Amino acid sequence: MVALICLAIVVPLVAYVLVVRWRADARFDAVTALWPSAYVVEGISCDPTTAGLFAVGGAEASVRSKKGFAVAFDPDGARFYSGGRHVIEFLRLTWSEVESIGIETVQVPSRQATALELTVARDDGPAKLPIVIKATRGVSGFRYSSPVETDKHLKAILSLRGTTPETVRPVVRSETPTDAQASARGTLAPGVTSVGMTRFSLIAILAGLLALLAMLPFGILTWTGVWSPPGVFFLPFILVGIGVMTVGRMVGLFVPMRESAELRAGYTLSRDGDTNVDQLDPKTGYVIRPAGHPALTRDEEKSALLRVRASGGIGIRPPMGADEKL
């Protein structure tokens, strides 16, 4: 019975992810084949984007975008496509219609996300069209592009348009953080951190895979006729493997919600997170990258974490009202 329940949960979830991902990949490949020299991004349907498409392209553009869409940017402008393997163009903008391109933060389900915003000229006044772009990592659109990724998209599109990135308002500061900024301490939101949830999800999925792989030696013995165990012998491996993987995947689905809660609390724990807020050490809560400064590289993040944790907070004065305990 437990196995049937696990299968009833896992099979539909996996089928949904595969179908959504197949459709998105097919659409992306089809648009890339149509415009091989264009810069193609995968858009995510959300209220700010559908509202912007309604203002720019009308009801049809808004409706067609609701199952996902792709945008092809080239020297002539931007083309919006819906569908799967067979794509349909539902909106076309020339660069003469686009007054400006920038980066803005918009509200998406349960969190905030960084969007590429086009200001489109219209007879009744300019209209804002925020495009929330799917992250290069993640599955079936559950993750949004980080500010760093969105900035890279912006620079690539501006180069196609013929506008130099230097003319755009910078999203981060280039000066070195002061000692006070680098030694401040933030307050972590109560509950399990997004980093902890991500680690638990990965460990659970790996443990489930190991439980299923553990059946392999016994399966070989059974197949070769060396040993003939009863059928129920494999049941615990199946239950543990499927059950643990299901729990890990379900926890992973809530990571974006936790990241959004941390963002609302005024910080991020990811080096790919919003650069407009402080990046904190998930273990001690000390700032390792002040708000407004460039995202850290992997080596810089590692060095900053080692420095903060090695100091143990000694000689570092937390801000007024902060908890003095590590």
Protein backbone atom coordinates (compact mmCIF):
# COMPACT_ATOMS: atom_id res chain seq x y z
CA MET A 1 0.00 0.00 0.00
CA VAL A 2 2.81 2.40 0.89
CA ALA A 3 4.52 1.63 -2.41
CA LEU A 4 1.32 2.39 -4.32
CA ILE A 5 0.91 5.71 -2.47
CA CYS A 6 4.51 6.68 -3.24
CA LEU A 7 4.06 5.76 -6.88
CA ALA A 8 0.79 7.71 -7.03
CA ILE A 9 2.70 10.81 -5.89
CA VAL A 10 5.95 10.37 -7.79
CA VAL A 11 4.67 9.21 -11.18
CA PRO A 12 2.30 12.18 -11.82
CA LEU A 13 4.92 14.64 -10.53
CA VAL A 14 7.65 13.22 -12.76
CA ALA A 15 5.27 13.08 -15.73
CA TYR A 16 4.29 16.72 -15.22
CA VAL A 17 7.92 17.86 -14.99
CA LEU A 18 8.88 15.90 -18.10
CA VAL A 19 5.96 17.23 -20.15
CA VAL A 20 6.54 20.86 -19.13
CA ARG A 21 10.28 20.58 -19.65
CA TRP A 22 9.87 18.84 -23.03
CA ARG A 23 7.53 21.55 -24.27
CA ALA A 24 9.85 24.34 -23.11
CA ASP A 25 12.95 22.68 -24.59
CA ALA A 26 11.14 22.00 -27.87
CA ARG A 27 10.00 25.64 -28.06
CA PHE A 28 13.50 26.93 -27.29
CA ASP A 29 15.06 24.67 -29.95
CA ALA A 30 12.44 25.64 -32.54
CA VAL A 31 12.98 29.37 -31.99
CA THR A 32 16.76 28.92 -32.07
CA ALA A 33 16.43 27.06 -35.38
CA LEU A 34 14.33 29.91 -36.81
CA TRP A 35 16.81 32.59 -35.72
CA PRO A 36 20.24 30.93 -35.27
CA SER A 37 22.01 34.28 -34.82
CA ALA A 38 19.50 35.62 -32.26
CA TYR A 39 19.83 35.65 -28.48
CA VAL A 40 16.99 33.44 -27.21
CA VAL A 41 15.69 33.39 -23.63
CA GLU A 42 12.93 31.35 -22.01
CA GLY A 43 10.27 33.52 -20.40
CA ILE A 44 8.16 32.47 -17.42
CA SER A 45 4.48 33.30 -17.27
CA CYS A 46 3.61 35.45 -14.25
CA ASP A 47 1.22 38.31 -13.49
CA PRO A 48 3.66 41.19 -14.19
CA THR A 49 4.63 39.72 -17.56
CA THR A 50 1.10 38.86 -18.71
CA ALA A 51 -0.07 42.33 -17.64
CA GLY A 52 2.77 43.94 -19.57
CA LEU A 53 2.04 41.84 -22.66
CA PHE A 54 -1.63 42.82 -22.43
CA ALA A 55 -0.65 46.50 -22.38
CA VAL A 56 1.77 46.10 -25.30
CA GLY A 57 0.22 43.39 -27.49
CA GLY A 58 -3.37 43.03 -26.33
CA ALA A 59 -5.36 40.12 -24.96
CA GLU A 60 -4.06 37.56 -27.47
CA ALA A 61 -0.43 38.17 -26.51
CA SER A 62 -1.29 37.91 -22.81
CA VAL A 63 -3.20 34.63 -23.25
CA ARG A 64 -0.60 32.97 -25.48
CA SER A 65 2.16 33.64 -22.96
CA LYS A 66 0.44 31.85 -20.08
CA LYS A 67 1.87 28.41 -20.94
CA GLY A 68 5.39 29.72 -21.30
CA PHE A 69 7.10 31.56 -24.12
CA ALA A 70 10.45 32.28 -25.70
CA VAL A 71 11.88 35.59 -26.89
CA ALA A 72 14.39 35.94 -29.72
CA PHE A 73 16.43 39.17 -29.63
CA ASP A 74 18.37 40.22 -32.72
CA PRO A 75 19.59 43.49 -34.30
CA ASP A 76 16.07 44.18 -35.61
CA GLY A 77 14.17 43.78 -32.33
CA ALA A 78 12.40 41.15 -30.25
CA ARG A 79 10.08 38.34 -31.35
CA PHE A 80 7.84 36.47 -28.88
CA TYR A 81 6.84 32.84 -29.48
CA SER A 82 4.48 30.37 -27.80
CA GLY A 83 3.84 26.68 -28.43
CA GLY A 84 6.10 23.65 -28.34
CA ARG A 85 7.76 22.00 -31.30
CA HIS A 86 5.57 24.11 -33.60
CA VAL A 87 5.95 27.71 -32.44
CA ILE A 88 3.66 30.65 -33.10
CA GLU A 89 4.85 34.26 -33.14
CA PHE A 90 2.39 36.34 -31.12
CA LEU A 91 4.27 39.63 -30.76
CA ARG A 92 7.05 41.48 -32.57
CA LEU A 93 8.78 44.64 -31.37
CA THR A 94 11.30 46.66 -33.34
CA TRP A 95 14.04 48.53 -31.53
CA SER A 96 12.51 51.80 -32.72
CA GLU A 97 9.48 50.95 -30.56
CA VAL A 98 11.60 50.16 -27.48
CA GLU A 99 12.53 53.33 -25.64
CA SER A 100 14.77 51.66 -23.07
CA ILE A 101 15.81 48.34 -21.56
CA GLY A 102 16.61 47.86 -17.89
CA ILE A 103 16.38 45.56 -14.89
CA GLU A 104 13.59 45.74 -12.33
CA THR A 105 12.34 43.65 -9.41
CA VAL A 106 8.80 42.30 -9.77
CA GLN A 107 6.51 40.24 -7.57
CA VAL A 108 5.98 36.64 -8.67
CA PRO A 109 4.18 33.85 -6.76
CA SER A 110 5.49 33.70 -3.17
CA ARG A 111 8.60 35.80 -3.85
CA GLN A 112 10.27 38.60 -5.76
CA ALA A 113 12.26 38.09 -8.95
CA THR A 114 14.53 40.13 -11.19
CA ALA A 115 13.06 40.89 -14.61
CA LEU A 116 14.32 42.34 -17.86
CA GLU A 117 12.07 45.36 -18.40
CA LEU A 118 11.34 46.87 -21.82
CA THR A 119 9.77 50.32 -22.04
CA VAL A 120 7.67 50.24 -25.21
CA ALA A 121 6.40 53.39 -26.94
CA ARG A 122 2.62 53.49 -27.47
CA ASP A 123 0.20 56.15 -28.72
CA ASP A 124 -1.29 56.51 -25.24
CA GLY A 125 2.09 56.63 -23.53
CA PRO A 126 4.99 54.26 -22.80
CA ALA A 127 4.14 50.77 -21.49
CA LYS A 128 6.33 48.66 -19.22
CA LEU A 129 6.94 45.04 -20.24
CA PRO A 130 8.83 43.04 -17.59
CA ILE A 131 10.15 39.69 -18.84
CA VAL A 132 10.91 37.19 -16.09
CA ILE A 133 13.52 34.79 -17.48
CA LYS A 134 13.95 31.19 -16.37
CA ALA A 135 17.26 30.44 -14.70
CA THR A 136 19.78 28.30 -16.53
CA ARG A 137 19.64 25.95 -13.54
CA GLY A 138 16.51 24.34 -12.14
CA VAL A 139 13.66 22.20 -13.43
CA SER A 140 10.45 23.09 -15.30
CA GLY A 141 10.46 26.80 -14.48
CA PHE A 142 10.59 26.64 -10.70
CA ARG A 143 13.64 28.92 -10.62
CA TYR A 144 13.99 32.46 -11.88
CA SER A 145 17.13 34.10 -13.22
CA SER A 146 19.26 35.70 -10.53
CA PRO A 147 20.19 39.39 -10.76
CA VAL A 148 23.64 38.34 -12.01
CA GLU A 149 22.18 36.16 -14.78
CA THR A 150 19.66 38.85 -15.73
CA ASP A 151 22.47 41.39 -15.97
CA LYS A 152 24.31 39.04 -18.37
CA HIS A 153 21.15 38.74 -20.49
CA LEU A 154 20.84 42.53 -20.54
CA LYS A 155 24.42 43.05 -21.72
CA ALA A 156 24.05 40.44 -24.47
CA ILE A 157 20.82 42.05 -25.73
CA LEU A 158 22.28 45.55 -25.61
CA SER A 159 25.23 44.39 -27.69
CA LEU A 160 22.81 43.09 -30.35
CA ARG A 161 20.91 46.35 -30.29
CA GLY A 162 24.11 48.31 -30.65
CA THR A 163 23.95 49.94 -27.22
CA THR A 164 27.03 49.69 -25.02
CA PRO A 165 26.41 48.26 -21.55
CA GLU A 166 28.25 51.23 -20.02
CA THR A 167 25.33 53.52 -20.92
CA VAL A 168 23.03 51.53 -18.66
CA ARG A 169 22.68 52.41 -14.99
CA PRO A 170 24.91 49.91 -13.12
CA VAL A 171 23.11 47.51 -10.83
CA VAL A 172 26.09 47.05 -8.48
CA ARG A 173 28.79 49.23 -7.00
CA SER A 174 32.40 48.62 -7.89
CA GLU A 175 34.13 50.11 -4.85
CA THR A 176 35.64 47.84 -2.20
CA PRO A 177 33.44 47.26 0.88
CA THR A 178 34.52 49.15 3.98
CA ASP A 179 35.57 47.30 7.15
CA ALA A 180 32.31 48.27 8.82
CA GLN A 181 30.29 46.85 5.94
CA ALA A 182 32.31 43.64 5.77
CA SER A 183 32.12 43.05 9.56
CA ALA A 184 28.42 43.69 10.10
CA ARG A 185 26.07 41.00 11.25
CA GLY A 186 22.56 40.40 10.03
CA THR A 187 19.66 38.59 11.63
CA LEU A 188 18.71 35.28 10.04
CA ALA A 189 14.99 34.65 9.67
CA PRO A 190 13.69 31.91 11.98
CA GLY A 191 13.41 28.41 10.60
CA VAL A 192 15.51 26.24 8.31
CA THR A 193 17.59 28.25 5.86
CA SER A 194 17.29 27.85 2.09
CA VAL A 195 20.84 26.46 2.09
CA GLY A 196 19.86 23.83 4.65
CA MET A 197 16.76 22.88 2.67
CA THR A 198 18.79 22.55 -0.52
CA ARG A 199 21.36 20.34 1.16
CA PHE A 200 18.66 18.16 2.72
CA SER A 201 16.97 17.79 -0.67
CA LEU A 202 20.18 16.73 -2.40
CA ILE A 203 21.17 14.32 0.39
CA ALA A 204 17.71 12.75 0.43
CA ILE A 205 17.70 12.24 -3.35
CA LEU A 206 21.19 10.71 -3.25
CA ALA A 207 20.17 8.44 -0.34
CA GLY A 208 17.13 7.29 -2.31
CA LEU A 209 19.27 6.52 -5.35
CA LEU A 210 21.70 4.55 -3.18
CA ALA A 211 18.82 2.54 -1.71
CA LEU A 212 17.65 1.62 -5.21
CA LEU A 213 21.20 0.84 -6.38
CA ALA A 214 21.66 -1.40 -3.34
CA MET A 215 19.25 -3.85 -4.99
CA LEU A 216 21.63 -4.31 -7.93
CA PRO A 217 23.93 -6.98 -6.41
CA PHE A 218 20.96 -9.01 -5.19
CA GLY A 219 19.28 -8.58 -8.55
CA ILE A 220 22.36 -9.98 -10.31
CA LEU A 221 22.39 -12.97 -7.96
CA THR A 222 18.73 -13.59 -8.67
CA TRP A 223 19.16 -13.18 -12.44
CA THR A 224 22.08 -15.64 -12.53
CA GLY A 225 20.17 -18.15 -10.41
CA VAL A 226 22.73 -18.13 -7.60
CA TRP A 227 20.15 -16.96 -5.08
CA SER A 228 16.35 -16.84 -5.20
CA PRO A 229 15.04 -14.49 -2.49
CA PRO A 230 11.31 -13.94 -1.98
CA GLY A 231 9.78 -11.00 -3.79
CA VAL A 232 9.17 -9.06 -0.57
CA PHE A 233 12.94 -8.94 -0.01
CA PHE A 234 13.22 -6.04 -2.46
CA LEU A 235 10.20 -4.15 -1.07
CA PRO A 236 12.08 -2.24 1.69
CA PHE A 237 14.67 -1.01 -0.84
CA ILE A 238 11.92 0.21 -3.17
CA LEU A 239 9.93 1.89 -0.40
CA VAL A 240 12.95 3.61 1.11
CA GLY A 241 14.33 4.67 -2.27
CA ILE A 242 11.11 6.10 -3.66
CA GLY A 243 9.97 7.55 -0.32
CA VAL A 244 13.22 9.34 0.47
CA MET A 245 13.57 10.70 -3.07
CA THR A 246 9.99 11.96 -2.96
CA VAL A 247 10.58 13.77 0.33
CA GLY A 248 13.80 15.28 -0.97
CA ARG A 249 12.16 16.50 -4.16
CA MET A 250 9.18 17.97 -2.29
CA VAL A 251 11.50 19.88 0.05
CA GLY A 252 13.42 21.13 -2.97
CA LEU A 253 10.23 22.59 -4.45
CA PHE A 254 9.86 24.85 -1.40
CA VAL A 255 13.39 26.26 -1.61
CA PRO A 256 12.33 29.22 -3.83
CA MET A 257 9.65 30.13 -1.26
CA ARG A 258 12.24 30.12 1.51
CA GLU A 259 14.63 32.20 -0.62
CA SER A 260 11.81 34.70 -1.14
CA ALA A 261 11.21 34.90 2.63
CA GLU A 262 14.91 35.56 3.18
CA LEU A 263 14.84 38.25 0.51
CA ARG A 264 11.89 39.93 2.24
CA ALA A 265 13.92 39.81 5.46
CA GLY A 266 16.60 41.86 3.70
CA TYR A 267 19.31 39.33 2.86
CA THR A 268 20.31 36.40 0.66
CA LEU A 269 22.41 33.32 1.37
CA SER A 270 23.32 32.60 -2.25
CA ARG A 271 26.15 34.18 -4.23
CA ASP A 272 23.71 34.19 -7.16
CA GLY A 273 21.11 36.02 -5.08
CA ASP A 274 19.92 39.61 -5.32
CA THR A 275 22.92 41.96 -5.13
CA ASN A 276 20.67 44.72 -3.75
CA VAL A 277 20.68 43.00 -0.35
CA ASP A 278 23.46 41.67 1.90
CA GLN A 279 24.74 38.14 1.39
CA LEU A 280 25.05 36.47 4.79
CA ASP A 281 26.93 33.46 6.02
CA PRO A 282 24.15 30.88 6.64
CA LYS A 283 25.98 29.56 9.69
CA THR A 284 26.93 32.73 11.60
CA GLY A 285 24.77 35.42 10.00
CA TYR A 286 27.70 37.75 9.31
CA VAL A 287 27.81 39.73 6.07
CA ILE A 288 30.19 38.30 3.47
CA ARG A 289 29.02 40.56 0.60
CA PRO A 290 27.41 43.95 1.42
CA ALA A 291 24.36 45.11 -0.49
CA GLY A 292 25.07 46.85 -3.78
CA HIS A 293 28.43 45.18 -4.38
CA PRO A 294 29.25 42.71 -7.19
CA ALA A 295 28.37 39.06 -6.73
CA LEU A 296 31.18 36.95 -5.31
CA THR A 297 32.96 34.30 -7.31
CA ARG A 298 33.09 30.78 -5.88
CA ASP A 299 36.63 31.31 -4.56
CA GLU A 300 35.76 34.71 -3.08
CA GLU A 301 32.74 33.25 -1.33
CA LYS A 302 34.81 30.40 0.09
CA SER A 303 37.47 32.79 1.36
CA ALA A 304 34.89 35.09 2.95
CA LEU A 305 33.18 32.19 4.72
CA LEU A 306 36.48 30.86 6.03
CA ARG A 307 37.48 34.32 7.28
CA VAL A 308 34.19 34.92 9.09
CA ARG A 309 34.01 31.48 10.66
CA ALA A 310 37.68 31.46 11.66
CA SER A 311 37.25 34.75 13.51
CA GLY A 312 34.36 33.30 15.48
CA GLY A 313 32.92 36.80 15.70
CA ILE A 314 35.77 37.95 17.94
CA GLY A 315 36.36 41.66 17.55
CA ILE A 316 33.34 42.00 15.27
CA ARG A 317 30.63 44.28 16.59
CA PRO A 318 27.10 43.32 15.53
CA PRO A 319 24.65 46.13 14.73
CA MET A 320 22.49 47.54 17.50
CA GLY A 321 19.79 45.14 18.58
CA ALA A 322 21.38 42.11 16.95
CA ASP A 323 21.78 38.87 18.88
CA GLU A 324 25.30 38.61 20.26
CA LYS A 325 25.33 34.82 20.16
CA LEU A 326 26.65 32.90 17.15
